[in-house]
N, C-alpha and C. Protein backbone atom coordinates (compact mmCIF):
# COMPACT_ATOMS: atom_id res chain seq x y z
N MET A 1 1.04 8.21 12.79
CA MET A 1 2.17 7.34 13.12
C MET A 1 2.02 6.24 12.16
N GLU A 2 0.71 5.36 12.36
CA GLU A 2 -0.02 4.20 11.92
C GLU A 2 0.23 3.96 10.64
N GLY A 3 -0.53 5.16 9.89
CA GLY A 3 -0.06 5.22 8.21
C GLY A 3 1.16 5.16 7.85
N GLU A 4 2.20 5.76 8.84
CA GLU A 4 3.11 5.80 7.63
C GLU A 4 4.14 4.11 8.21
N LYS A 5 3.35 3.60 8.99
CA LYS A 5 3.89 2.38 8.78
C LYS A 5 3.19 1.46 7.73
N TRP A 6 2.14 1.45 7.29
CA TRP A 6 0.94 0.68 6.40
C TRP A 6 2.18 1.54 5.20
N GLY A 7 2.50 2.94 5.14
CA GLY A 7 2.87 2.94 4.12
C GLY A 7 4.03 2.25 3.31
N ARG A 8 5.10 2.62 4.20
CA ARG A 8 6.23 1.80 3.90
C ARG A 8 6.21 0.37 3.86
N ARG A 9 5.66 -0.20 4.25
CA ARG A 9 4.99 -1.59 3.88
C ARG A 9 4.34 -1.89 2.60
N ILE A 10 3.38 -0.79 2.06
CA ILE A 10 3.00 -1.09 0.79
C ILE A 10 3.92 -0.72 -0.21
N ARG A 11 4.98 0.62 -0.01
CA ARG A 11 6.06 0.75 -0.84
C ARG A 11 6.96 0.30 -1.42
N ALA A 12 7.42 -0.65 -0.31
CA ALA A 12 8.34 -1.53 -0.31
C ALA A 12 7.75 -3.06 -1.11
N PHE A 13 6.49 -3.43 -0.48
CA PHE A 13 5.90 -4.69 -1.19
C PHE A 13 5.76 -4.60 -2.89
N ARG A 14 5.55 -3.14 -2.97
CA ARG A 14 4.66 -2.61 -4.62
C ARG A 14 6.46 -2.43 -5.18
N LYS A 15 7.48 -2.02 -4.85
CA LYS A 15 8.72 -1.85 -5.45
C LYS A 15 9.29 -3.37 -5.57
N LEU A 16 9.31 -4.28 -4.24
CA LEU A 16 9.65 -5.76 -4.42
C LEU A 16 8.92 -6.26 -5.75
N LYS A 17 7.90 -6.09 -6.21
CA LYS A 17 7.01 -6.73 -7.33
C LYS A 17 7.18 -5.91 -8.51
N GLY A 18 7.90 -4.60 -8.64
CA GLY A 18 8.69 -4.42 -9.57
C GLY A 18 7.47 -3.37 -10.51
N TYR A 19 6.44 -2.65 -9.41
CA TYR A 19 5.55 -1.83 -10.13
C TYR A 19 6.10 -0.25 -9.60
N THR A 20 5.94 0.62 -10.78
CA THR A 20 5.74 2.12 -10.57
C THR A 20 4.95 2.58 -9.71
N GLN A 21 4.97 3.88 -9.28
CA GLN A 21 3.49 4.09 -8.72
C GLN A 21 2.81 4.54 -9.35
N GLU A 22 3.16 5.07 -10.38
CA GLU A 22 1.97 5.65 -11.48
C GLU A 22 1.22 4.04 -12.12
N GLY A 23 1.83 2.86 -12.46
CA GLY A 23 1.42 1.81 -12.91
C GLY A 23 0.73 1.07 -11.69
N PHE A 24 0.98 1.31 -10.81
CA PHE A 24 0.53 0.51 -9.03
C PHE A 24 -0.84 1.09 -9.03
N ALA A 25 -1.07 2.46 -9.18
CA ALA A 25 -2.02 3.23 -8.77
C ALA A 25 -3.36 2.76 -9.80
N ARG A 26 -2.67 2.95 -10.97
CA ARG A 26 -3.43 2.52 -12.12
C ARG A 26 -4.18 1.03 -11.94
N GLU A 27 -3.64 -0.13 -11.56
CA GLU A 27 -3.77 -1.39 -11.43
C GLU A 27 -4.92 -1.17 -10.49
N ILE A 28 -5.02 -0.23 -8.99
CA ILE A 28 -5.87 -0.42 -7.97
C ILE A 28 -6.82 0.34 -8.15
N GLY A 29 -6.58 0.99 -9.16
CA GLY A 29 -7.98 2.11 -9.29
C GLY A 29 -7.83 3.12 -8.82
N VAL A 30 -6.85 3.64 -8.12
CA VAL A 30 -6.71 4.98 -7.57
C VAL A 30 -5.73 6.17 -8.06
N SER A 31 -5.63 7.16 -7.74
CA SER A 31 -4.84 8.27 -8.79
C SER A 31 -3.55 8.12 -7.38
N VAL A 32 -2.62 8.53 -8.56
CA VAL A 32 -0.82 8.91 -7.97
C VAL A 32 -0.98 9.43 -6.75
N SER A 33 -1.75 10.77 -6.47
CA SER A 33 -1.58 11.42 -5.39
C SER A 33 -2.31 10.86 -3.94
N LEU A 34 -2.91 10.15 -4.13
CA LEU A 34 -3.84 9.27 -3.32
C LEU A 34 -2.54 8.21 -2.70
N LEU A 35 -2.13 7.44 -3.87
CA LEU A 35 -1.37 6.64 -3.57
C LEU A 35 0.37 6.88 -2.51
N GLY A 36 0.51 8.08 -3.11
CA GLY A 36 1.88 8.48 -2.83
C GLY A 36 1.54 9.24 -1.23
N GLU A 37 0.22 9.63 -1.09
CA GLU A 37 -0.09 10.09 0.67
C GLU A 37 0.07 8.96 1.47
N VAL A 38 -0.91 7.88 0.68
CA VAL A 38 -0.70 6.35 1.85
C VAL A 38 0.45 6.14 2.34
N GLU A 39 1.36 6.19 1.36
CA GLU A 39 2.79 5.50 1.15
C GLU A 39 3.56 6.70 2.16
N ARG A 40 3.52 7.64 2.17
CA ARG A 40 4.06 8.99 2.57
C ARG A 40 3.62 8.99 4.40
N GLY A 41 2.66 8.17 4.54
CA GLY A 41 1.98 8.24 5.79
C GLY A 41 1.33 9.56 6.16
N ASN A 42 0.87 9.91 4.91
CA ASN A 42 0.00 11.54 4.95
C ASN A 42 -1.56 10.96 5.45
N ARG A 43 -2.04 9.46 4.55
CA ARG A 43 -3.29 9.44 4.95
C ARG A 43 -3.13 7.72 5.40
N ASN A 44 -4.36 7.20 6.11
CA ASN A 44 -4.58 6.35 6.68
C ASN A 44 -4.96 5.89 5.63
N PRO A 45 -4.57 4.12 5.36
CA PRO A 45 -5.29 3.84 4.23
C PRO A 45 -6.76 2.75 4.82
N SER A 46 -7.74 2.94 3.93
CA SER A 46 -8.89 2.26 4.03
C SER A 46 -9.02 0.59 3.81
N GLU A 47 -10.01 -0.03 5.02
CA GLU A 47 -9.62 -1.15 4.93
C GLU A 47 -10.18 -1.85 3.17
N ALA A 48 -10.84 -1.26 2.25
CA ALA A 48 -10.94 -1.77 1.09
C ALA A 48 -9.42 -1.38 0.16
N PHE A 49 -8.86 -0.05 0.61
CA PHE A 49 -7.61 0.04 -0.22
C PHE A 49 -6.90 -1.06 0.11
N LEU A 50 -6.52 -1.49 1.40
CA LEU A 50 -5.42 -2.68 1.71
C LEU A 50 -5.86 -3.94 1.13
N LEU A 51 -7.36 -4.04 0.86
CA LEU A 51 -7.73 -5.85 0.47
C LEU A 51 -7.45 -5.23 -0.98
N GLU A 52 -7.22 -4.11 -1.67
CA GLU A 52 -7.15 -3.83 -2.95
C GLU A 52 -5.77 -4.14 -3.26
N VAL A 53 -4.90 -3.01 -2.63
CA VAL A 53 -3.58 -3.65 -2.14
C VAL A 53 -3.02 -5.24 -2.49
N ALA A 54 -3.39 -5.90 -1.46
CA ALA A 54 -2.75 -6.86 -1.10
C ALA A 54 -3.18 -8.26 -2.17
N GLU A 55 -4.22 -8.04 -2.75
CA GLU A 55 -4.81 -8.99 -3.98
C GLU A 55 -4.14 -8.48 -5.22
N THR A 56 -3.70 -6.97 -5.26
CA THR A 56 -2.99 -7.00 -6.71
C THR A 56 -1.53 -7.43 -6.50
N LEU A 57 -1.19 -7.36 -5.30
CA LEU A 57 0.38 -7.73 -4.88
C LEU A 57 0.82 -9.27 -4.50
N HIS A 58 -0.87 -10.13 -4.79
CA HIS A 58 -0.71 -11.58 -4.30
C HIS A 58 0.27 -11.36 -2.57
N VAL A 59 -0.29 -10.70 -2.06
CA VAL A 59 0.41 -10.89 -0.75
C VAL A 59 -1.08 -11.15 0.19
N SER A 60 -0.93 -11.48 1.62
CA SER A 60 -2.16 -11.37 1.95
C SER A 60 -1.96 -10.26 3.21
N ILE A 61 -3.29 -9.54 3.63
CA ILE A 61 -3.29 -8.50 4.41
C ILE A 61 -1.89 -8.65 5.50
N GLU A 62 -2.42 -10.13 6.11
CA GLU A 62 -1.41 -10.34 7.27
C GLU A 62 0.58 -9.97 7.00
N GLU A 63 0.65 -10.07 5.46
CA GLU A 63 1.84 -9.90 5.10
C GLU A 63 2.34 -8.36 5.08
N LEU A 64 1.04 -7.62 4.56
CA LEU A 64 1.44 -5.90 4.75
C LEU A 64 1.22 -5.33 5.86
N GLN A 65 0.89 -6.03 6.73
CA GLN A 65 0.73 -5.60 7.93
C GLN A 65 1.62 -5.47 8.87
N PRO A 66 2.17 -3.86 9.36
CA PRO A 66 3.65 -3.63 10.11
C PRO A 66 3.42 -4.82 10.88
N PRO A 67 4.53 -5.47 11.51
CA PRO A 67 5.45 -6.17 12.38
C PRO A 67 4.99 -5.93 13.60
N GLU A 68 5.12 -4.65 14.28
CA GLU A 68 4.35 -4.21 15.56
C GLU A 68 2.86 -3.86 15.78
N ASP A 69 2.52 -4.19 14.67
CA ASP A 69 0.82 -4.48 14.70
C ASP A 69 0.34 -5.54 14.54
N LYS A 70 0.82 -6.75 14.60
CA LYS A 70 0.61 -7.78 14.64
C LYS A 70 -0.01 -8.22 15.76
């Protein structure tokens, strides 16, 4: 469940910034399938993954963090 919350937030920010899944995966250096798994909540994102996502999207980890986890 926790991974699903992170995944929804990552997907929302990615779309807000205008990235496709393919383009964003390339930017953060992961496969499209890995990004898709995280966004669908099938895989929990690692700390390193979250840091790369936040840096690429120019947001803080706190902004990415699901509201109920803050």
